[in-house]
Amino acid sequence: MAYSEFLADRVRQRLKETRTPYEEKKMMGGLCFMVDDKMCVGIVKEDLMARVGPELQEANRDRLGYRPMDFTGRPMKGYVFISPEGVDKQEDLEHWVDLCLQFNPEAKSSKKKKK
């Protein structure tokens, strides 16, 4: 299992509840939910990956399950991982997904590769 299907279903449900159009892409060994062609939220193994931007990242650092996203030995600015205990409660999952959606309009889209 590359990522938690249960968590993915919960994220899908929240995106549907908020009437957010999204696209799913498998990447980084997990699943990413793209909103407006930008990485918004994802699942890596059992963790939620949240793109919340630097300000919301700092403001939420004391929440249960929070840790900076670190793939390369250096934390990625504006991205965080939330461990399962930090999204067990529905209101906690909604908090993180909603923060991702709040930041998404400000997020920069990655440059498309030329074919």
PDB file of N, CA and C in Angstrom:
ATOM      1  N   MET A   1       0.844  -1.184   0.000  1.00  0.00           N
ATOM      2  CA  MET A   1       0.000   0.000   0.000  1.00  0.00           C
ATOM      3  C   MET A   1       0.889   1.247   0.000  1.00  0.00           C
ATOM      4  N   ALA A   2       0.775   2.048  -1.012  1.00  0.00           N
ATOM      5  CA  ALA A   2       1.586   3.250  -1.123  1.00  0.00           C
ATOM      6  C   ALA A   2       1.021   4.388  -0.278  1.00  0.00           C
ATOM      7  N   TYR A   3      -0.303   4.444  -0.141  1.00  0.00           N
ATOM      8  CA  TYR A   3      -0.930   5.504   0.652  1.00  0.00           C
ATOM      9  C   TYR A   3      -2.260   4.997   1.207  1.00  0.00           C
ATOM     10  N   SER A   4      -2.738   5.680   2.215  1.00  0.00           N
ATOM     11  CA  SER A   4      -3.976   5.285   2.886  1.00  0.00           C
ATOM     12  C   SER A   4      -5.189   5.598   2.012  1.00  0.00           C
ATOM     13  N   GLU A   5      -5.843   4.561   1.523  1.00  0.00           N
ATOM     14  CA  GLU A   5      -7.066   4.740   0.726  1.00  0.00           C
ATOM     15  C   GLU A   5      -8.183   5.333   1.590  1.00  0.00           C
ATOM     16  N   PHE A   6      -8.202   4.951   2.860  1.00  0.00           N
ATOM     17  CA  PHE A   6      -9.220   5.482   3.768  1.00  0.00           C
ATOM     18  C   PHE A   6      -9.088   6.997   3.905  1.00  0.00           C
ATOM     19  N   LEU A   7      -7.864   7.472   4.107  1.00  0.00           N
ATOM     20  CA  LEU A   7      -7.630   8.914   4.213  1.00  0.00           C
ATOM     21  C   LEU A   7      -7.942   9.609   2.889  1.00  0.00           C
ATOM     22  N   ALA A   8      -7.580   8.975   1.784  1.00  0.00           N
ATOM     23  CA  ALA A   8      -7.884   9.543   0.463  1.00  0.00           C
ATOM     24  C   ALA A   8      -9.393   9.711   0.284  1.00  0.00           C
ATOM     25  N   ASP A   9     -10.167   8.711   0.715  1.00  0.00           N
ATOM     26  CA  ASP A   9     -11.629   8.813   0.616  1.00  0.00           C
ATOM     27  C   ASP A   9     -12.168   9.950   1.474  1.00  0.00           C
ATOM     28  N   ARG A  10     -11.587  10.136   2.635  1.00  0.00           N
ATOM     29  CA  ARG A  10     -12.025  11.225   3.521  1.00  0.00           C
ATOM     30  C   ARG A  10     -11.718  12.587   2.909  1.00  0.00           C
ATOM     31  N   VAL A  11     -10.549  12.714   2.270  1.00  0.00           N
ATOM     32  CA  VAL A  11     -10.195  13.977   1.608  1.00  0.00           C
ATOM     33  C   VAL A  11     -11.131  14.222   0.427  1.00  0.00           C
ATOM     34  N   ARG A  12     -11.383  13.184  -0.366  1.00  0.00           N
ATOM     35  CA  ARG A  12     -12.328  13.322  -1.497  1.00  0.00           C
ATOM     36  C   ARG A  12     -13.684  13.826  -1.007  1.00  0.00           C
ATOM     37  N   GLN A  13     -14.158  13.240   0.082  1.00  0.00           N
ATOM     38  CA  GLN A  13     -15.453  13.635   0.635  1.00  0.00           C
ATOM     39  C   GLN A  13     -15.454  15.103   1.032  1.00  0.00           C
ATOM     40  N   ARG A  14     -14.378  15.555   1.673  1.00  0.00           N
ATOM     41  CA  ARG A  14     -14.315  16.968   2.086  1.00  0.00           C
ATOM     42  C   ARG A  14     -14.289  17.893   0.873  1.00  0.00           C
ATOM     43  N   LEU A  15     -13.529  17.521  -0.140  1.00  0.00           N
ATOM     44  CA  LEU A  15     -13.477  18.354  -1.350  1.00  0.00           C
ATOM     45  C   LEU A  15     -14.854  18.413  -2.013  1.00  0.00           C
ATOM     46  N   LYS A  16     -15.572  17.310  -1.992  1.00  0.00           N
ATOM     47  CA  LYS A  16     -16.930  17.297  -2.557  1.00  0.00           C
ATOM     48  C   LYS A  16     -17.872  18.159  -1.723  1.00  0.00           C
ATOM     49  N   GLU A  17     -17.739  18.077  -0.395  1.00  0.00           N
ATOM     50  CA  GLU A  17     -18.583  18.888   0.492  1.00  0.00           C
ATOM     51  C   GLU A  17     -18.380  20.382   0.247  1.00  0.00           C
ATOM     52  N   THR A  18     -17.159  20.767  -0.060  1.00  0.00           N
ATOM     53  CA  THR A  18     -16.853  22.179  -0.301  1.00  0.00           C
ATOM     54  C   THR A  18     -17.066  22.565  -1.764  1.00  0.00           C
ATOM     55  N   ARG A  19     -17.538  21.587  -2.547  1.00  0.00           N
ATOM     56  CA  ARG A  19     -17.802  21.790  -3.985  1.00  0.00           C
ATOM     57  C   ARG A  19     -16.564  22.311  -4.722  1.00  0.00           C
ATOM     58  N   THR A  20     -15.447  21.726  -4.385  1.00  0.00           N
ATOM     59  CA  THR A  20     -14.174  22.098  -4.991  1.00  0.00           C
ATOM     60  C   THR A  20     -13.848  21.146  -6.128  1.00  0.00           C
ATOM     61  N   PRO A  21     -13.733  21.656  -7.359  1.00  0.00           N
ATOM     62  CA  PRO A  21     -13.290  20.788  -8.455  1.00  0.00           C
ATOM     63  C   PRO A  21     -11.813  20.413  -8.238  1.00  0.00           C
ATOM     64  N   TYR A  22     -11.503  19.153  -8.422  1.00  0.00           N
ATOM     65  CA  TYR A  22     -10.130  18.695  -8.205  1.00  0.00           C
ATOM     66  C   TYR A  22      -9.793  17.596  -9.193  1.00  0.00           C
ATOM     67  N   GLU A  23      -8.505  17.348  -9.296  1.00  0.00           N
ATOM     68  CA  GLU A  23      -7.980  16.272 -10.125  1.00  0.00           C
ATOM     69  C   GLU A  23      -7.003  15.486  -9.248  1.00  0.00           C
ATOM     70  N   GLU A  24      -6.983  14.184  -9.400  1.00  0.00           N
ATOM     71  CA  GLU A  24      -6.067  13.347  -8.626  1.00  0.00           C
ATOM     72  C   GLU A  24      -4.873  12.949  -9.481  1.00  0.00           C
ATOM     73  N   LYS A  25      -3.694  12.994  -8.872  1.00  0.00           N
ATOM     74  CA  LYS A  25      -2.472  12.555  -9.547  1.00  0.00           C
ATOM     75  C   LYS A  25      -1.645  11.746  -8.566  1.00  0.00           C
ATOM     76  N   LYS A  26      -1.154  10.618  -9.047  1.00  0.00           N
ATOM     77  CA  LYS A  26      -0.239   9.833  -8.228  1.00  0.00           C
ATOM     78  C   LYS A  26       1.146  10.425  -8.397  1.00  0.00           C
ATOM     79  N   MET A  27       1.769  10.759  -7.271  1.00  0.00           N
ATOM     80  CA  MET A  27       3.131  11.301  -7.304  1.00  0.00           C
ATOM     81  C   MET A  27       3.788  11.148  -5.949  1.00  0.00           C
ATOM     82  N   MET A  28       5.079  11.149  -5.930  1.00  0.00           N
ATOM     83  CA  MET A  28       5.878  11.041  -4.709  1.00  0.00           C
ATOM     84  C   MET A  28       5.516   9.800  -3.903  1.00  0.00           C
ATOM     85  N   GLY A  29       5.105   8.739  -4.567  1.00  0.00           N
ATOM     86  CA  GLY A  29       4.730   7.523  -3.872  1.00  0.00           C
ATOM     87  C   GLY A  29       3.404   7.627  -3.162  1.00  0.00           C
ATOM     88  N   GLY A  30       2.662   8.664  -3.467  1.00  0.00           N
ATOM     89  CA  GLY A  30       1.373   8.860  -2.812  1.00  0.00           C
ATOM     90  C   GLY A  30       0.354   9.391  -3.798  1.00  0.00           C
ATOM     91  N   LEU A  31      -0.613  10.109  -3.289  1.00  0.00           N
ATOM     92  CA  LEU A  31      -1.691  10.657  -4.097  1.00  0.00           C
ATOM     93  C   LEU A  31      -1.791  12.143  -3.814  1.00  0.00           C
ATOM     94  N   CYS A  32      -1.917  12.918  -4.872  1.00  0.00           N
ATOM     95  CA  CYS A  32      -2.021  14.365  -4.738  1.00  0.00           C
ATOM     96  C   CYS A  32      -3.349  14.832  -5.325  1.00  0.00           C
ATOM     97  N   PHE A  33      -3.991  15.749  -4.633  1.00  0.00           N
ATOM     98  CA  PHE A  33      -5.221  16.365  -5.117  1.00  0.00           C
ATOM     99  C   PHE A  33      -4.856  17.743  -5.636  1.00  0.00           C
ATOM    100  N   MET A  34      -5.068  17.929  -6.929  1.00  0.00           N
ATOM    101  CA  MET A  34      -4.746  19.187  -7.594  1.00  0.00           C
ATOM    102  C   MET A  34      -6.010  20.045  -7.677  1.00  0.00           C
ATOM    103  N   VAL A  35      -5.890  21.308  -7.322  1.00  0.00           N
ATOM    104  CA  VAL A  35      -6.984  22.265  -7.430  1.00  0.00           C
ATOM    105  C   VAL A  35      -6.464  23.432  -8.258  1.00  0.00           C
ATOM    106  N   ASP A  36      -7.159  23.754  -9.326  1.00  0.00           N
ATOM    107  CA  ASP A  36      -6.725  24.806 -10.257  1.00  0.00           C
ATOM    108  C   ASP A  36      -5.316  24.535 -10.787  1.00  0.00           C
ATOM    109  N   ASP A  37      -5.037  23.286 -11.119  1.00  0.00           N
ATOM    110  CA  ASP A  37      -3.734  22.853 -11.648  1.00  0.00           C
ATOM    111  C   ASP A  37      -2.581  23.100 -10.677  1.00  0.00           C
ATOM    112  N   LYS A  38      -2.876  23.158  -9.382  1.00  0.00           N
ATOM    113  CA  LYS A  38      -1.839  23.357  -8.362  1.00  0.00           C
ATOM    114  C   LYS A  38      -1.964  22.275  -7.304  1.00  0.00           C
ATOM    115  N   MET A  39      -0.824  21.799  -6.810  1.00  0.00           N
ATOM    116  CA  MET A  39      -0.819  20.830  -5.739  1.00  0.00           C
ATOM    117  C   MET A  39      -1.476  21.469  -4.520  1.00  0.00           C
ATOM    118  N   CYS A  40      -2.500  20.825  -3.980  1.00  0.00           N
ATOM    119  CA  CYS A  40      -3.254  21.404  -2.877  1.00  0.00           C
ATOM    120  C   CYS A  40      -3.092  20.590  -1.597  1.00  0.00           C
ATOM    121  N   VAL A  41      -3.424  19.321  -1.670  1.00  0.00           N
ATOM    122  CA  VAL A  41      -3.372  18.438  -0.508  1.00  0.00           C
ATOM    123  C   VAL A  41      -3.074  17.032  -1.020  1.00  0.00           C
ATOM    124  N   GLY A  42      -2.489  16.200  -0.181  1.00  0.00           N
ATOM    125  CA  GLY A  42      -2.171  14.861  -0.645  1.00  0.00           C
ATOM    126  C   GLY A  42      -2.020  13.883   0.503  1.00  0.00           C
ATOM    127  N   ILE A  43      -1.741  12.656   0.122  1.00  0.00           N
ATOM    128  CA  ILE A  43      -1.525  11.594   1.090  1.00  0.00           C
ATOM    129  C   ILE A  43      -0.226  10.889   0.722  1.00  0.00           C
ATOM    130  N   VAL A  44       0.653  10.748   1.704  1.00  0.00           N
ATOM    131  CA  VAL A  44       1.897  10.004   1.554  1.00  0.00           C
ATOM    132  C   VAL A  44       1.915   8.976   2.672  1.00  0.00           C
ATOM    133  N   LYS A  45       1.813   7.730   2.293  1.00  0.00           N
ATOM    134  CA  LYS A  45       1.675   6.614   3.243  1.00  0.00           C
ATOM    135  C   LYS A  45       0.436   6.852   4.101  1.00  0.00           C
ATOM    136  N   GLU A  46       0.611   7.075   5.389  1.00  0.00           N
ATOM    137  CA  GLU A  46      -0.525   7.294   6.301  1.00  0.00           C
ATOM    138  C   GLU A  46      -0.710   8.772   6.656  1.00  0.00           C
ATOM    139  N   ASP A  47       0.170   9.626   6.120  1.00  0.00           N
ATOM    140  CA  ASP A  47       0.167  11.043   6.485  1.00  0.00           C
ATOM    141  C   ASP A  47      -0.589  11.903   5.474  1.00  0.00           C
ATOM    142  N   LEU A  48      -1.187  12.963   5.985  1.00  0.00           N
ATOM    143  CA  LEU A  48      -1.759  13.990   5.131  1.00  0.00           C
ATOM    144  C   LEU A  48      -0.644  14.958   4.788  1.00  0.00           C
ATOM    145  N   MET A  49      -0.505  15.318   3.527  1.00  0.00           N
ATOM    146  CA  MET A  49       0.444  16.332   3.096  1.00  0.00           C
ATOM    147  C   MET A  49      -0.379  17.570   2.796  1.00  0.00           C
ATOM    148  N   ALA A  50      -0.084  18.668   3.501  1.00  0.00           N
ATOM    149  CA  ALA A  50      -0.875  19.884   3.359  1.00  0.00           C
ATOM    150  C   ALA A  50      -0.008  21.025   2.837  1.00  0.00           C
ATOM    151  N   ARG A  51      -0.470  21.653   1.751  1.00  0.00           N
ATOM    152  CA  ARG A  51       0.204  22.841   1.225  1.00  0.00           C
ATOM    153  C   ARG A  51      -0.572  24.044   1.747  1.00  0.00           C
ATOM    154  N   VAL A  52      -0.031  24.657   2.807  1.00  0.00           N
ATOM    155  CA  VAL A  52      -0.748  25.731   3.487  1.00  0.00           C
ATOM    156  C   VAL A  52      -0.050  27.080   3.394  1.00  0.00           C
ATOM    157  N   GLY A  53       1.133  27.109   2.819  1.00  0.00           N
ATOM    158  CA  GLY A  53       1.881  28.365   2.745  1.00  0.00           C
ATOM    159  C   GLY A  53       2.603  28.656   4.044  1.00  0.00           C
ATOM    160  N   PRO A  54       3.620  29.503   3.990  1.00  0.00           N
ATOM    161  CA  PRO A  54       4.463  29.769   5.162  1.00  0.00           C
ATOM    162  C   PRO A  54       3.712  30.370   6.356  1.00  0.00           C
ATOM    163  N   GLU A  55       2.793  31.293   6.125  1.00  0.00           N
ATOM    164  CA  GLU A  55       2.099  31.942   7.242  1.00  0.00           C
ATOM    165  C   GLU A  55       1.181  30.974   7.982  1.00  0.00           C
ATOM    166  N   LEU A  56       0.379  30.219   7.246  1.00  0.00           N
ATOM    167  CA  LEU A  56      -0.518  29.249   7.887  1.00  0.00           C
ATOM    168  C   LEU A  56       0.269  28.094   8.484  1.00  0.00           C
ATOM    169  N   GLN A  57       1.414  27.773   7.886  1.00  0.00           N
ATOM    170  CA  GLN A  57       2.282  26.738   8.436  1.00  0.00           C
ATOM    171  C   GLN A  57       2.740  27.146   9.830  1.00  0.00           C
ATOM    172  N   GLU A  58       3.217  28.344   9.950  1.00  0.00           N
ATOM    173  CA  GLU A  58       3.710  28.845  11.238  1.00  0.00           C
ATOM    174  C   GLU A  58       2.573  28.936  12.264  1.00  0.00           C
ATOM    175  N   ALA A  59       1.417  29.402  11.841  1.00  0.00           N
ATOM    176  CA  ALA A  59       0.288  29.594  12.749  1.00  0.00           C
ATOM    177  C   ALA A  59      -0.293  28.274  13.270  1.00  0.00           C
ATOM    178  N   ASN A  60      -0.010  27.163  12.591  1.00  0.00           N
ATOM    179  CA  ASN A  60      -0.603  25.873  12.965  1.00  0.00           C
ATOM    180  C   ASN A  60       0.406  24.851  13.468  1.00  0.00           C
ATOM    181  N   ARG A  61       1.599  25.295  13.763  1.00  0.00           N
ATOM    182  CA  ARG A  61       2.672  24.369  14.122  1.00  0.00           C
ATOM    183  C   ARG A  61       2.447  23.633  15.443  1.00  0.00           C
ATOM    184  N   ASP A  62       1.549  24.126  16.291  1.00  0.00           N
ATOM    185  CA  ASP A  62       1.300  23.475  17.579  1.00  0.00           C
ATOM    186  C   ASP A  62       0.160  22.460  17.531  1.00  0.00           C
ATOM    187  N   ARG A  63      -0.416  22.250  16.368  1.00  0.00           N
ATOM    188  CA  ARG A  63      -1.529  21.297  16.255  1.00  0.00           C
ATOM    189  C   ARG A  63      -1.006  19.858  16.315  1.00  0.00           C
ATOM    190  N   LEU A  64      -1.842  18.987  16.834  1.00  0.00           N
ATOM    191  CA  LEU A  64      -1.505  17.570  16.970  1.00  0.00           C
ATOM    192  C   LEU A  64      -1.128  16.965  15.617  1.00  0.00           C
ATOM    193  N   GLY A  65      -0.017  16.236  15.579  1.00  0.00           N
ATOM    194  CA  GLY A  65       0.393  15.514  14.378  1.00  0.00           C
ATOM    195  C   GLY A  65       1.217  16.307  13.387  1.00  0.00           C
ATOM    196  N   TYR A  66       1.402  17.598  13.631  1.00  0.00           N
ATOM    197  CA  TYR A  66       2.115  18.481  12.706  1.00  0.00           C
ATOM    198  C   TYR A  66       3.613  18.178  12.684  1.00  0.00           C
ATOM    199  N   ARG A  67       4.183  18.198  11.485  1.00  0.00           N
ATOM    200  CA  ARG A  67       5.645  18.226  11.339  1.00  0.00           C
ATOM    201  C   ARG A  67       5.967  18.809   9.967  1.00  0.00           C
ATOM    202  N   PRO A  68       7.068  19.521   9.851  1.00  0.00           N
ATOM    203  CA  PRO A  68       7.438  20.088   8.552  1.00  0.00           C
ATOM    204  C   PRO A  68       7.645  18.972   7.523  1.00  0.00           C
ATOM    205  N   MET A  69       7.288  19.245   6.291  1.00  0.00           N
ATOM    206  CA  MET A  69       7.488  18.265   5.217  1.00  0.00           C
ATOM    207  C   MET A  69       8.959  18.273   4.834  1.00  0.00           C
ATOM    208  N   ASP A  70       9.559  17.103   4.895  1.00  0.00           N
ATOM    209  CA  ASP A  70      10.997  16.988   4.681  1.00  0.00           C
ATOM    210  C   ASP A  70      11.280  15.744   3.848  1.00  0.00           C
ATOM    211  N   PHE A  71      11.520  15.948   2.549  1.00  0.00           N
ATOM    212  CA  PHE A  71      11.873  14.830   1.670  1.00  0.00           C
ATOM    213  C   PHE A  71      13.377  14.742   1.455  1.00  0.00           C
ATOM    214  N   THR A  72      14.051  15.869   1.519  1.00  0.00           N
ATOM    215  CA  THR A  72      15.440  15.937   1.084  1.00  0.00           C
ATOM    216  C   THR A  72      16.426  16.257   2.194  1.00  0.00           C
ATOM    217  N   GLY A  73      15.973  16.311   3.435  1.00  0.00           N
ATOM    218  CA  GLY A  73      16.850  16.717   4.516  1.00  0.00           C
ATOM    219  C   GLY A  73      16.621  18.175   4.895  1.00  0.00           C
ATOM    220  N   ARG A  74      15.897  18.895   4.056  1.00  0.00           N
ATOM    221  CA  ARG A  74      15.536  20.287   4.356  1.00  0.00           C
ATOM    222  C   ARG A  74      14.025  20.418   4.289  1.00  0.00           C
ATOM    223  N   PRO A  75      13.417  21.066   5.289  1.00  0.00           N
ATOM    224  CA  PRO A  75      11.962  21.248   5.256  1.00  0.00           C
ATOM    225  C   PRO A  75      11.539  22.077   4.047  1.00  0.00           C
ATOM    226  N   MET A  76      10.412  21.718   3.453  1.00  0.00           N
ATOM    227  CA  MET A  76       9.879  22.459   2.317  1.00  0.00           C
ATOM    228  C   MET A  76       8.967  23.567   2.848  1.00  0.00           C
ATOM    229  N   LYS A  77       9.278  24.788   2.495  1.00  0.00           N
ATOM    230  CA  LYS A  77       8.545  25.950   2.974  1.00  0.00           C
ATOM    231  C   LYS A  77       7.084  25.892   2.507  1.00  0.00           C
ATOM    232  N   GLY A  78       6.165  26.011   3.463  1.00  0.00           N
ATOM    233  CA  GLY A  78       4.746  26.056   3.131  1.00  0.00           C
ATOM    234  C   GLY A  78       4.052  24.711   3.044  1.00  0.00           C
ATOM    235  N   TYR A  79       4.804  23.616   3.215  1.00  0.00           N
ATOM    236  CA  TYR A  79       4.242  22.267   3.166  1.00  0.00           C
ATOM    237  C   TYR A  79       4.446  21.599   4.520  1.00  0.00           C
ATOM    238  N   VAL A  80       3.438  20.843   4.959  1.00  0.00           N
ATOM    239  CA  VAL A  80       3.557  20.109   6.220  1.00  0.00           C
ATOM    240  C   VAL A  80       2.978  18.710   6.073  1.00  0.00           C
ATOM    241  N   PHE A  81       3.442  17.818   6.923  1.00  0.00           N
ATOM    242  CA  PHE A  81       2.854  16.496   7.075  1.00  0.00           C
ATOM    243  C   PHE A  81       2.044  16.507   8.365  1.00  0.00           C
ATOM    244  N   ILE A  82       0.911  15.821   8.329  1.00  0.00           N
ATOM    245  CA  ILE A  82       0.094  15.637   9.506  1.00  0.00           C
ATOM    246  C   ILE A  82      -0.045  14.129   9.705  1.00  0.00           C
ATOM    247  N   SER A  83       0.420  13.641  10.836  1.00  0.00           N
ATOM    248  CA  SER A  83       0.347  12.206  11.108  1.00  0.00           C
ATOM    249  C   SER A  83      -1.098  11.799  11.391  1.00  0.00           C
ATOM    250  N   PRO A  84      -1.390  10.493  11.345  1.00  0.00           N
ATOM    251  CA  PRO A  84      -2.771  10.032  11.491  1.00  0.00           C
ATOM    252  C   PRO A  84      -3.511  10.567  12.720  1.00  0.00           C
ATOM    253  N   GLU A  85      -2.816  10.670  13.861  1.00  0.00           N
ATOM    254  CA  GLU A  85      -3.518  11.159  15.051  1.00  0.00           C
ATOM    255  C   GLU A  85      -3.959  12.616  14.901  1.00  0.00           C
ATOM    256  N   GLY A  86      -3.343  13.355  13.992  1.00  0.00           N
ATOM    257  CA  GLY A  86      -3.707  14.745  13.758  1.00  0.00           C
ATOM    258  C   GLY A  86      -4.899  14.930  12.836  1.00  0.00           C
ATOM    259  N   VAL A  87      -5.363  13.838  12.216  1.00  0.00           N
ATOM    260  CA  VAL A  87      -6.536  13.917  11.329  1.00  0.00           C
ATOM    261  C   VAL A  87      -7.564  12.835  11.653  1.00  0.00           C
ATOM    262  N   ASP A  88      -7.402  12.166  12.800  1.00  0.00           N
ATOM    263  CA  ASP A  88      -8.372  11.147  13.203  1.00  0.00           C
ATOM    264  C   ASP A  88      -9.773  11.727  13.339  1.00  0.00           C
ATOM    265  N   LYS A  89      -9.874  12.878  13.973  1.00  0.00           N
ATOM    266  CA  LYS A  89     -11.168  13.529  14.146  1.00  0.00           C
ATOM    267  C   LYS A  89     -11.536  14.252  12.852  1.00  0.00           C
ATOM    268  N   GLN A  90     -12.786  14.161  12.493  1.00  0.00           N
ATOM    269  CA  GLN A  90     -13.250  14.783  11.248  1.00  0.00           C
ATOM    270  C   GLN A  90     -12.989  16.282  11.240  1.00  0.00           C
ATOM    271  N   GLU A  91     -13.211  16.945  12.376  1.00  0.00           N
ATOM    272  CA  GLU A  91     -12.994  18.399  12.407  1.00  0.00           C
ATOM    273  C   GLU A  91     -11.526  18.761  12.195  1.00  0.00           C
ATOM    274  N   ASP A  92     -10.605  17.883  12.603  1.00  0.00           N
ATOM    275  CA  ASP A  92      -9.183  18.136  12.361  1.00  0.00           C
ATOM    276  C   ASP A  92      -8.838  17.981  10.879  1.00  0.00           C
ATOM    277  N   LEU A  93      -9.373  16.940  10.264  1.00  0.00           N
ATOM    278  CA  LEU A  93      -9.155  16.764   8.826  1.00  0.00           C
ATOM    279  C   LEU A  93      -9.727  17.956   8.061  1.00  0.00           C
ATOM    280  N   GLU A  94     -10.928  18.360   8.406  1.00  0.00           N
ATOM    281  CA  GLU A  94     -11.551  19.511   7.742  1.00  0.00           C
ATOM    282  C   GLU A  94     -10.710  20.766   7.923  1.00  0.00           C
ATOM    283  N   HIS A  95     -10.149  20.952   9.109  1.00  0.00           N
ATOM    284  CA  HIS A  95      -9.289  22.106   9.371  1.00  0.00           C
ATOM    285  C   HIS A  95      -8.141  22.162   8.360  1.00  0.00           C
ATOM    286  N   TRP A  96      -7.439  21.041   8.202  1.00  0.00           N
ATOM    287  CA  TRP A  96      -6.270  21.026   7.330  1.00  0.00           C
ATOM    288  C   TRP A  96      -6.657  21.165   5.851  1.00  0.00           C
ATOM    289  N   VAL A  97      -7.684  20.448   5.423  1.00  0.00           N
ATOM    290  CA  VAL A  97      -8.108  20.544   4.022  1.00  0.00           C
ATOM    291  C   VAL A  97      -8.582  21.970   3.732  1.00  0.00           C
ATOM    292  N   ASP A  98      -9.312  22.558   4.659  1.00  0.00           N
ATOM    293  CA  ASP A  98      -9.799  23.920   4.460  1.00  0.00           C
ATOM    294  C   ASP A  98      -8.646  24.929   4.411  1.00  0.00           C
ATOM    295  N   LEU A  99      -7.603  24.718   5.216  1.00  0.00           N
ATOM    296  CA  LEU A  99      -6.424  25.596   5.130  1.00  0.00           C
ATOM    297  C   LEU A  99      -5.762  25.485   3.760  1.00  0.00           C
ATOM    298  N   CYS A 100      -5.685  24.266   3.242  1.00  0.00           N
ATOM    299  CA  CYS A 100      -5.105  24.059   1.914  1.00  0.00           C
ATOM    300  C   CYS A 100      -5.920  24.804   0.856  1.00  0.00           C
ATOM    301  N   LEU A 101      -7.230  24.706   0.959  1.00  0.00           N
ATOM    302  CA  LEU A 101      -8.100  25.394  -0.003  1.00  0.00           C
ATOM    303  C   LEU A 101      -7.999  26.908   0.158  1.00  0.00           C
ATOM    304  N   GLN A 102      -7.827  27.374   1.370  1.00  0.00           N
ATOM    305  CA  GLN A 102      -7.667  28.807   1.621  1.00  0.00           C
ATOM    306  C   GLN A 102      -6.384  29.336   0.975  1.00  0.00           C
ATOM    307  N   PHE A 103      -5.305  28.557   1.059  1.00  0.00           N
ATOM    308  CA  PHE A 103      -4.022  28.991   0.499  1.00  0.00           C
ATOM    309  C   PHE A 103      -3.959  28.816  -1.017  1.00  0.00           C
ATOM    310  N   ASN A 104      -4.713  27.890  -1.555  1.00  0.00           N
ATOM    311  CA  ASN A 104      -4.585  27.536  -2.971  1.00  0.00           C
ATOM    312  C   ASN A 104      -4.619  28.717  -3.940  1.00  0.00           C
ATOM    313  N   PRO A 105      -5.508  29.703  -3.792  1.00  0.00           N
ATOM    314  CA  PRO A 105      -5.493  30.819  -4.749  1.00  0.00           C
ATOM    315  C   PRO A 105      -4.173  31.598  -4.763  1.00  0.00           C
ATOM    316  N   GLU A 106      -3.454  31.590  -3.639  1.00  0.00           N
ATOM    317  CA  GLU A 106      -2.171  32.293  -3.555  1.00  0.00           C
ATOM    318  C   GLU A 106      -1.005  31.440  -4.053  1.00  0.00           C
ATOM    319  N   ALA A 107      -1.191  30.141  -4.084  1.00  0.00           N
ATOM    320  CA  ALA A 107      -0.110  29.213  -4.449  1.00  0.00           C
ATOM    321  C   ALA A 107       0.292  29.393  -5.900  1.00  0.00           C
ATOM    322  N   LYS A 108       1.569  29.226  -6.148  1.00  0.00           N
ATOM    323  CA  LYS A 108       2.060  29.305  -7.520  1.00  0.00           C
ATOM    324  C   LYS A 108       1.963  27.933  -8.162  1.00  0.00           C
ATOM    325  N   SER A 109       1.554  27.945  -9.410  1.00  0.00           N
ATOM    326  CA  SER A 109       1.476  26.712 -10.178  1.00  0.00           C
ATOM    327  C   SER A 109       2.879  26.353 -10.653  1.00  0.00           C
ATOM    328  N   SER A 110       3.190  25.068 -10.634  1.00  0.00           N
ATOM    329  CA  SER A 110       4.489  24.666 -11.148  1.00  0.00           C
ATOM    330  C   SER A 110       4.506  24.842 -12.663  1.00  0.00           C
ATOM    331  N   LYS A 111       5.678  25.116 -13.173  1.00  0.00           N
ATOM    332  CA  LYS A 111       5.789  25.324 -14.616  1.00  0.00           C
ATOM    333  C   LYS A 111       5.554  24.037 -15.352  1.00  0.00           C
ATOM    334  N   LYS A 112       4.767  24.118 -16.399  1.00  0.00           N
ATOM    335  CA  LYS A 112       4.479  22.950 -17.220  1.00  0.00           C
ATOM    336  C   LYS A 112       5.723  22.612 -18.034  1.00  0.00           C
ATOM    337  N   LYS A 113       6.019  21.332 -18.123  1.00  0.00           N
ATOM    338  CA  LYS A 113       7.145  20.894 -18.939  1.00  0.00           C
ATOM    339  C   LYS A 113       6.750  20.889 -20.402  1.00  0.00           C
ATOM    340  N   LYS A 114       7.663  21.379 -21.217  1.00  0.00           N
ATOM    341  CA  LYS A 114       7.395  21.378 -22.657  1.00  0.00           C
ATOM    342  C   LYS A 114       7.629  19.979 -23.199  1.00  0.00           C
ATOM    343  N   LYS A 115       6.747  19.576 -24.090  1.00  0.00           N
ATOM    344  CA  LYS A 115       6.877  18.230 -24.671  1.00  0.00           C
ATOM    345  C   LYS A 115       7.741  18.238 -25.898  1.00  0.00           C
TER     346      LYS A 115
END
